[in-house]
Amino acid sequence: MDLMKLLRSLEEFVFEAIALLFFYPRTLLRIVFRPLQSMEYAEQEEAADKPLAYDDAVSPPLLLLITLLLTHAVAMALHVDQAPDAAPLAKELLNSPQNLLVFRSLLFSLIPLTAAVLLLRQRRQAASRSTLRPPFFAQCYLTSPFALVVSLGLMAAQMPGRGLGMAGAIVCAVAFAWMVGVQAAWFKAKLGVGGLAALGMGVGLLVWACAWVLVAAVLVAIF
């Protein structure tokens, strides 16, 4: 193996890893305070033919994956208890950090996937990788802070002995309200529908996504 190529690869890895310390919180805060602009930025980056996309931010899927990885690390640090009578498949997931991270990523990815498909159907566009990718990436941005807050809220709710159950429920409620509001504004801007119709789409989107998550959780709990 060429030593210089190896050193250059290591150099690039170190730079990207250190850069994430700056760009991750910057991107996350930008989404929280300017969600629609951040989603538009993601769609523009996907539409543009540039050699270096997301030069001043973290790419949407990577942002979501890092967020879920951080919440998993917090859960391990806080020693959040898991159900002792879990089904074999659930135990297999819970006892493997890699499997659990992949499973959580798939669950939270159902939100951007559902939103992207709903947008294409409302526009009467055929679903393909090229048409699905921009709205999916935009929705990954929106899902990242939502996943962070909901995950932390659920952790707090799982620790009632520490008096955090109610606080966790309130945090989750705030996250859902923020998510519905931004989704409604996004659908209104993209489809030109009224505020009430857009709000219905935002609520319906989360209901559908939560239904799919519930089905997946039930299947894991059974098997």
Protein backbone atom coordinates (compact mmCIF):
# COMPACT_ATOMS: atom_id res chain seq x y z
CA MET A 1 0.00 0.00 0.00
CA ASP A 2 1.26 3.46 -0.87
CA LEU A 3 2.28 5.14 2.38
CA MET A 4 1.56 8.64 1.06
CA LYS A 5 -1.97 7.66 0.02
CA LEU A 6 -2.54 6.19 3.46
CA LEU A 7 -1.29 9.36 5.15
CA ARG A 8 -3.46 11.55 2.92
CA SER A 9 -6.50 9.40 3.72
CA LEU A 10 -5.72 9.68 7.42
CA GLU A 11 -5.25 13.43 7.07
CA GLU A 12 -8.65 13.76 5.36
CA PHE A 13 -10.32 11.61 8.02
CA VAL A 14 -8.87 13.66 10.87
CA PHE A 15 -9.92 16.93 9.24
CA GLU A 16 -13.48 15.72 8.59
CA ALA A 17 -13.81 14.37 12.13
CA ILE A 18 -12.61 17.63 13.69
CA ALA A 19 -14.72 19.72 11.30
CA LEU A 20 -17.81 17.87 12.51
CA LEU A 21 -17.25 19.36 15.97
CA PHE A 22 -17.91 22.76 14.43
CA PHE A 23 -20.38 22.02 11.66
CA TYR A 24 -22.63 19.61 13.57
CA PRO A 25 -23.92 22.05 16.23
CA ARG A 26 -23.93 24.86 13.67
CA THR A 27 -26.12 22.86 11.29
CA LEU A 28 -28.41 21.68 14.08
CA LEU A 29 -28.97 25.19 15.43
CA ARG A 30 -29.59 26.51 11.91
CA ILE A 31 -32.34 23.91 11.47
CA VAL A 32 -33.95 24.72 14.83
CA PHE A 33 -34.11 28.46 14.24
CA ARG A 34 -34.44 28.51 10.43
CA PRO A 35 -36.00 25.17 9.51
CA LEU A 36 -37.55 26.12 6.17
CA GLN A 37 -34.39 27.83 4.95
CA SER A 38 -32.35 24.79 5.99
CA MET A 39 -34.68 22.45 4.11
CA GLU A 40 -34.50 24.65 1.03
CA TYR A 41 -30.72 24.62 1.31
CA ALA A 42 -30.71 20.81 1.29
CA GLU A 43 -32.91 20.69 -1.80
CA GLN A 44 -30.71 23.21 -3.60
CA GLU A 45 -27.59 21.23 -2.75
CA GLU A 46 -29.17 18.08 -4.15
CA ALA A 47 -30.30 19.86 -7.31
CA ALA A 48 -26.94 21.54 -7.97
CA ASP A 49 -24.22 19.62 -9.74
CA LYS A 50 -21.33 20.54 -7.48
CA PRO A 51 -18.19 18.55 -6.68
CA LEU A 52 -18.43 19.45 -3.00
CA ALA A 53 -21.98 19.56 -1.64
CA TYR A 54 -22.85 20.77 1.88
CA ASP A 55 -19.54 22.60 2.09
CA ASP A 56 -20.70 24.72 5.05
CA ALA A 57 -22.89 22.13 6.78
CA VAL A 58 -23.30 18.44 7.56
CA SER A 59 -25.19 16.40 4.99
CA PRO A 60 -28.75 15.51 6.11
CA PRO A 61 -28.47 11.70 6.45
CA LEU A 62 -25.13 12.02 8.22
CA LEU A 63 -26.58 14.63 10.57
CA LEU A 64 -29.44 12.29 11.46
CA LEU A 65 -27.08 9.36 11.96
CA ILE A 66 -24.74 11.36 14.22
CA THR A 67 -27.71 12.63 16.22
CA LEU A 68 -28.97 9.10 16.83
CA LEU A 69 -25.46 7.98 17.71
CA LEU A 70 -25.19 10.77 20.29
CA THR A 71 -28.56 9.92 21.84
CA HIS A 72 -27.51 6.28 22.05
CA ALA A 73 -24.31 7.32 23.82
CA VAL A 74 -26.33 9.42 26.28
CA ALA A 75 -28.64 6.47 26.98
CA MET A 76 -25.66 4.26 27.72
CA ALA A 77 -24.09 6.89 29.95
CA LEU A 78 -27.33 7.34 31.91
CA HIS A 79 -27.84 3.56 32.17
CA VAL A 80 -31.39 3.73 30.86
CA ASP A 81 -33.01 0.44 31.82
CA GLN A 82 -34.31 -1.89 29.14
CA ALA A 83 -37.22 -4.27 29.58
CA PRO A 84 -35.93 -7.51 31.19
CA ASP A 85 -38.68 -9.63 29.59
CA ALA A 86 -38.05 -8.43 26.03
CA ALA A 87 -38.57 -10.78 23.09
CA PRO A 88 -35.49 -12.49 21.53
CA LEU A 89 -35.37 -10.09 18.57
CA ALA A 90 -35.71 -7.09 20.88
CA LYS A 91 -32.91 -8.40 23.09
CA GLU A 92 -30.75 -8.90 20.02
CA LEU A 93 -31.29 -5.26 19.09
CA LEU A 94 -30.92 -3.85 22.59
CA ASN A 95 -27.76 -5.81 23.36
CA SER A 96 -26.00 -4.70 20.17
CA PRO A 97 -25.16 -0.99 19.86
CA GLN A 98 -24.68 -1.38 16.11
CA ASN A 99 -28.01 -3.14 15.56
CA LEU A 100 -29.84 -0.67 17.80
CA LEU A 101 -28.34 2.31 15.96
CA VAL A 102 -29.35 0.87 12.59
CA PHE A 103 -32.86 0.11 13.87
CA ARG A 104 -33.33 3.62 15.27
CA SER A 105 -32.00 5.12 12.05
CA LEU A 106 -34.53 3.15 10.03
CA LEU A 107 -37.38 4.12 12.36
CA PHE A 108 -36.67 7.84 12.29
CA SER A 109 -35.99 7.70 8.55
CA LEU A 110 -39.63 6.72 8.08
CA ILE A 111 -40.58 10.35 8.78
CA PRO A 112 -38.61 11.91 5.88
CA LEU A 113 -39.57 9.02 3.62
CA THR A 114 -43.29 9.42 4.38
CA ALA A 115 -43.10 13.20 3.92
CA ALA A 116 -41.26 12.92 0.61
CA VAL A 117 -43.73 10.36 -0.75
CA LEU A 118 -46.68 12.49 0.39
CA LEU A 119 -45.23 15.55 -1.35
CA LEU A 120 -44.73 13.68 -4.61
CA ARG A 121 -48.26 12.28 -4.51
CA GLN A 122 -49.75 15.72 -3.90
CA ARG A 123 -47.73 17.03 -6.85
CA ARG A 124 -48.75 13.98 -8.92
CA GLN A 125 -45.11 13.24 -9.60
CA ALA A 126 -43.81 9.74 -10.23
CA ALA A 127 -41.71 8.41 -7.36
CA SER A 128 -38.13 7.71 -8.38
CA ARG A 129 -34.74 8.03 -6.76
CA SER A 130 -34.13 11.36 -8.47
CA THR A 131 -37.50 12.88 -7.44
CA LEU A 132 -37.50 11.36 -3.96
CA ARG A 133 -33.98 12.36 -2.97
CA PRO A 134 -34.32 16.19 -2.58
CA PRO A 135 -37.42 16.18 -0.31
CA PHE A 136 -36.07 13.17 1.60
CA PHE A 137 -32.78 14.94 2.32
CA ALA A 138 -34.65 18.12 3.30
CA GLN A 139 -36.80 16.13 5.70
CA CYS A 140 -33.74 14.42 7.19
CA TYR A 141 -32.63 17.88 8.29
CA LEU A 142 -35.97 18.49 9.97
CA THR A 143 -36.01 15.06 11.59
CA SER A 144 -32.58 15.43 13.21
CA PRO A 145 -33.44 17.93 16.01
CA PHE A 146 -36.83 16.25 16.38
CA ALA A 147 -35.14 12.87 16.92
CA LEU A 148 -32.70 14.42 19.39
CA VAL A 149 -35.36 16.05 21.55
CA VAL A 150 -37.80 13.12 21.42
CA SER A 151 -35.06 10.63 22.28
CA LEU A 152 -33.96 12.70 25.26
CA GLY A 153 -37.57 13.13 26.36
CA LEU A 154 -38.22 9.39 26.18
CA MET A 155 -35.06 8.74 28.19
CA ALA A 156 -36.30 11.10 30.87
CA ALA A 157 -39.70 9.41 30.87
CA GLN A 158 -37.99 6.04 31.39
CA MET A 159 -36.44 7.32 34.61
CA PRO A 160 -39.50 8.13 36.75
CA GLY A 161 -37.56 7.51 39.95
CA ARG A 162 -35.56 10.64 39.26
CA GLY A 163 -38.65 12.82 38.87
CA LEU A 164 -38.15 13.37 35.16
CA GLY A 165 -41.22 11.59 33.81
CA MET A 166 -43.38 14.70 33.45
CA ALA A 167 -40.48 16.75 32.09
CA GLY A 168 -39.84 14.10 29.45
CA ALA A 169 -43.49 14.14 28.39
CA ILE A 170 -43.49 17.94 28.09
CA VAL A 171 -40.27 17.89 26.04
CA CYS A 172 -41.76 15.33 23.65
CA ALA A 173 -44.96 17.36 23.32
CA VAL A 174 -42.99 20.50 22.46
CA ALA A 175 -40.97 18.56 19.87
CA PHE A 176 -44.14 17.22 18.23
CA ALA A 177 -45.73 20.68 18.18
CA TRP A 178 -42.61 22.18 16.57
CA MET A 179 -42.49 19.37 14.03
CA VAL A 180 -46.15 19.71 13.04
CA GLY A 181 -45.83 23.48 12.71
CA VAL A 182 -42.77 23.31 10.47
CA GLN A 183 -44.24 20.49 8.39
CA ALA A 184 -47.39 22.54 7.85
CA ALA A 185 -45.35 25.55 6.75
CA TRP A 186 -43.29 23.34 4.42
CA PHE A 187 -46.33 21.76 2.75
CA LYS A 188 -47.96 25.17 2.42
CA ALA A 189 -44.87 26.58 0.70
CA LYS A 190 -44.33 23.58 -1.55
CA LEU A 191 -47.94 22.91 -2.56
CA GLY A 192 -49.55 26.34 -2.30
CA VAL A 193 -52.40 24.97 -0.15
CA GLY A 194 -54.21 26.73 2.65
CA GLY A 195 -53.00 26.79 6.22
CA LEU A 196 -55.64 24.36 7.48
CA ALA A 197 -54.94 21.83 4.71
CA ALA A 198 -51.20 22.13 5.31
CA LEU A 199 -51.73 21.59 9.03
CA GLY A 200 -53.78 18.50 8.29
CA MET A 201 -50.95 17.16 6.13
CA GLY A 202 -48.43 17.82 8.88
CA VAL A 203 -50.52 16.02 11.47
CA GLY A 204 -51.36 13.19 9.07
CA LEU A 205 -47.70 12.76 8.21
CA LEU A 206 -46.70 12.24 11.83
CA VAL A 207 -49.67 9.93 12.43
CA TRP A 208 -48.65 7.76 9.49
CA ALA A 209 -44.98 7.77 10.50
CA CYS A 210 -45.83 6.94 14.12
CA ALA A 211 -48.11 4.14 12.90
CA TRP A 212 -45.27 2.60 10.91
CA VAL A 213 -42.94 2.97 13.91
CA LEU A 214 -45.55 1.31 16.14
CA VAL A 215 -45.94 -1.59 13.70
CA ALA A 216 -42.16 -2.07 13.62
CA ALA A 217 -41.93 -1.88 17.42
CA VAL A 218 -44.76 -4.42 17.83
CA LEU A 219 -43.09 -6.83 15.41
CA VAL A 220 -39.80 -6.52 17.28
CA ALA A 221 -41.56 -7.00 20.63
CA ILE A 222 -43.35 -10.13 19.39
CA PHE A 223 -40.47 -11.84 17.67
